[in-house]
Amino acid sequence: MKQRAPGYENIRPVAETFPGFDFSGWMAVVAPSGAPAAIVQRMNRELDNVLKQPEIMQRLREIGFYATGAGTTQETGDFIRAQYEAWGNVIREIGIQPE
């Protein structure tokens, strides 16, 4: 992360030592390609509602996670594509090969 995580403000992010470093763990719920848009949008909306409940946010923080809610389906897709590209570049740059 580039900034300090909510609830962990006393822990410096790596980016404070290595400028430009930007990594945080993430999770996403995805559907198969071609899933009906109405279903995907409803799942997204319901998941967003759950993740924004104060008791859920608190419980996640207790186990070391934090969430800001579900992004839009477009934001999530863009983020996943960007992660594939970024980590694909790292893998190619350092020469990792499948075994």
C-alpha atoms as a PDB file:
ATOM      1  CA  MET A   1       0.000   0.000   0.000  1.00  0.00           C
ATOM      2  CA  LYS A   2       1.039   3.543  -0.529  1.00  0.00           C
ATOM      3  CA  GLN A   3      -0.666   4.800   2.612  1.00  0.00           C
ATOM      4  CA  ARG A   4      -1.144   3.408   6.095  1.00  0.00           C
ATOM      5  CA  ALA A   5      -3.922   0.869   6.453  1.00  0.00           C
ATOM      6  CA  PRO A   6      -6.970   1.782   8.529  1.00  0.00           C
ATOM      7  CA  GLY A   7      -6.507   0.424  12.027  1.00  0.00           C
ATOM      8  CA  TYR A   8      -2.773  -0.029  11.435  1.00  0.00           C
ATOM      9  CA  GLU A   9      -1.703   3.604  11.323  1.00  0.00           C
ATOM     10  CA  ASN A  10       1.328   2.836  13.513  1.00  0.00           C
ATOM     11  CA  ILE A  11       2.746   0.456  10.871  1.00  0.00           C
ATOM     12  CA  ARG A  12       4.635   2.134   8.053  1.00  0.00           C
ATOM     13  CA  PRO A  13       3.771   0.983   4.547  1.00  0.00           C
ATOM     14  CA  VAL A  14       6.635  -0.329   2.429  1.00  0.00           C
ATOM     15  CA  ALA A  15       6.156   2.665   0.104  1.00  0.00           C
ATOM     16  CA  GLU A  16       7.533   4.946   2.828  1.00  0.00           C
ATOM     17  CA  THR A  17      10.858   3.112   2.491  1.00  0.00           C
ATOM     18  CA  PHE A  18      10.653   2.179  -1.193  1.00  0.00           C
ATOM     19  CA  PRO A  19       8.864   5.018  -3.009  1.00  0.00           C
ATOM     20  CA  GLY A  20       6.525   3.787  -5.690  1.00  0.00           C
ATOM     21  CA  PHE A  21       6.009   0.368  -4.104  1.00  0.00           C
ATOM     22  CA  ASP A  22       2.305  -0.423  -4.222  1.00  0.00           C
ATOM     23  CA  PHE A  23       1.063  -3.792  -3.088  1.00  0.00           C
ATOM     24  CA  SER A  24      -1.798  -4.854  -0.938  1.00  0.00           C
ATOM     25  CA  GLY A  25      -3.542  -8.166  -0.693  1.00  0.00           C
ATOM     26  CA  TRP A  26      -6.972  -8.310  -2.204  1.00  0.00           C
ATOM     27  CA  MET A  27      -9.875 -10.631  -2.748  1.00  0.00           C
ATOM     28  CA  ALA A  28     -12.681 -10.561  -5.254  1.00  0.00           C
ATOM     29  CA  VAL A  29     -15.826 -12.497  -5.931  1.00  0.00           C
ATOM     30  CA  VAL A  30     -16.152 -13.185  -9.643  1.00  0.00           C
ATOM     31  CA  ALA A  31     -18.692 -14.838 -11.897  1.00  0.00           C
ATOM     32  CA  PRO A  32     -18.183 -16.859 -15.053  1.00  0.00           C
ATOM     33  CA  SER A  33     -17.855 -14.932 -18.275  1.00  0.00           C
ATOM     34  CA  GLY A  34     -21.281 -14.372 -19.762  1.00  0.00           C
ATOM     35  CA  ALA A  35     -23.117 -14.382 -16.418  1.00  0.00           C
ATOM     36  CA  PRO A  36     -26.263 -12.265 -16.659  1.00  0.00           C
ATOM     37  CA  ALA A  37     -25.458  -8.626 -15.892  1.00  0.00           C
ATOM     38  CA  ALA A  38     -28.450  -8.288 -13.565  1.00  0.00           C
ATOM     39  CA  ILE A  39     -27.173 -11.141 -11.382  1.00  0.00           C
ATOM     40  CA  VAL A  40     -23.614  -9.788 -11.315  1.00  0.00           C
ATOM     41  CA  GLN A  41     -24.858  -6.309 -10.400  1.00  0.00           C
ATOM     42  CA  ARG A  42     -27.092  -7.659  -7.627  1.00  0.00           C
ATOM     43  CA  MET A  43     -24.287  -9.767  -6.155  1.00  0.00           C
ATOM     44  CA  ASN A  44     -22.033  -6.715  -6.297  1.00  0.00           C
ATOM     45  CA  ARG A  45     -24.623  -4.530  -4.575  1.00  0.00           C
ATOM     46  CA  GLU A  46     -25.340  -7.110  -1.855  1.00  0.00           C
ATOM     47  CA  LEU A  47     -21.655  -7.741  -1.200  1.00  0.00           C
ATOM     48  CA  ASP A  48     -21.062  -3.992  -0.975  1.00  0.00           C
ATOM     49  CA  ASN A  49     -23.878  -3.718   1.588  1.00  0.00           C
ATOM     50  CA  VAL A  50     -22.402  -6.529   3.681  1.00  0.00           C
ATOM     51  CA  LEU A  51     -18.842  -5.177   3.568  1.00  0.00           C
ATOM     52  CA  LYS A  52     -19.993  -1.737   4.704  1.00  0.00           C
ATOM     53  CA  GLN A  53     -21.802  -3.005   7.812  1.00  0.00           C
ATOM     54  CA  PRO A  54     -19.938  -1.685  10.866  1.00  0.00           C
ATOM     55  CA  GLU A  55     -19.878  -5.071  12.621  1.00  0.00           C
ATOM     56  CA  ILE A  56     -18.458  -6.761   9.512  1.00  0.00           C
ATOM     57  CA  MET A  57     -15.833  -4.032   9.064  1.00  0.00           C
ATOM     58  CA  GLN A  58     -14.845  -4.385  12.731  1.00  0.00           C
ATOM     59  CA  ARG A  59     -14.596  -8.179  12.541  1.00  0.00           C
ATOM     60  CA  LEU A  60     -12.471  -7.976   9.403  1.00  0.00           C
ATOM     61  CA  ARG A  61     -10.127  -5.528  11.131  1.00  0.00           C
ATOM     62  CA  GLU A  62      -9.863  -7.859  14.119  1.00  0.00           C
ATOM     63  CA  ILE A  63      -8.474 -10.572  11.847  1.00  0.00           C
ATOM     64  CA  GLY A  64      -6.171  -8.234   9.928  1.00  0.00           C
ATOM     65  CA  PHE A  65      -8.304  -7.220   6.959  1.00  0.00           C
ATOM     66  CA  TYR A  66     -10.025  -4.037   5.990  1.00  0.00           C
ATOM     67  CA  ALA A  67     -12.536  -3.306   3.292  1.00  0.00           C
ATOM     68  CA  THR A  68     -13.969  -0.173   1.781  1.00  0.00           C
ATOM     69  CA  GLY A  69     -16.836  -2.044   0.186  1.00  0.00           C
ATOM     70  CA  ALA A  70     -17.162  -3.590  -3.237  1.00  0.00           C
ATOM     71  CA  GLY A  71     -16.064  -1.466  -6.141  1.00  0.00           C
ATOM     72  CA  THR A  72     -18.173  -1.287  -9.237  1.00  0.00           C
ATOM     73  CA  THR A  73     -17.967  -4.236 -11.578  1.00  0.00           C
ATOM     74  CA  GLN A  74     -15.994  -2.050 -14.002  1.00  0.00           C
ATOM     75  CA  GLU A  75     -13.530  -0.953 -11.288  1.00  0.00           C
ATOM     76  CA  THR A  76     -13.022  -4.544 -10.186  1.00  0.00           C
ATOM     77  CA  GLY A  77     -12.435  -5.753 -13.741  1.00  0.00           C
ATOM     78  CA  ASP A  78     -10.003  -2.911 -14.413  1.00  0.00           C
ATOM     79  CA  PHE A  79      -8.154  -3.653 -11.168  1.00  0.00           C
ATOM     80  CA  ILE A  80      -7.822  -7.377 -11.920  1.00  0.00           C
ATOM     81  CA  ARG A  81      -6.563  -6.664 -15.452  1.00  0.00           C
ATOM     82  CA  ALA A  82      -4.014  -4.178 -14.044  1.00  0.00           C
ATOM     83  CA  GLN A  83      -2.822  -6.755 -11.489  1.00  0.00           C
ATOM     84  CA  TYR A  84      -2.358  -9.393 -14.197  1.00  0.00           C
ATOM     85  CA  GLU A  85      -0.350  -6.934 -16.256  1.00  0.00           C
ATOM     86  CA  ALA A  86       1.785  -5.670 -13.369  1.00  0.00           C
ATOM     87  CA  TRP A  87       2.628  -9.109 -11.952  1.00  0.00           C
ATOM     88  CA  GLY A  88       3.070 -10.546 -15.432  1.00  0.00           C
ATOM     89  CA  ASN A  89       5.715  -7.873 -16.019  1.00  0.00           C
ATOM     90  CA  VAL A  90       7.455  -8.795 -12.750  1.00  0.00           C
ATOM     91  CA  ILE A  91       7.421 -12.489 -13.672  1.00  0.00           C
ATOM     92  CA  ARG A  92       8.862 -11.800 -17.128  1.00  0.00           C
ATOM     93  CA  GLU A  93      11.441  -9.336 -15.780  1.00  0.00           C
ATOM     94  CA  ILE A  94      12.891 -11.731 -13.226  1.00  0.00           C
ATOM     95  CA  GLY A  95      12.540 -14.732 -15.526  1.00  0.00           C
ATOM     96  CA  ILE A  96      10.221 -16.978 -13.527  1.00  0.00           C
ATOM     97  CA  GLN A  97       9.369 -20.097 -15.515  1.00  0.00           C
ATOM     98  CA  PRO A  98       6.721 -22.717 -14.722  1.00  0.00           C
ATOM     99  CA  GLU A  99       8.079 -26.023 -13.476  1.00  0.00           C
END
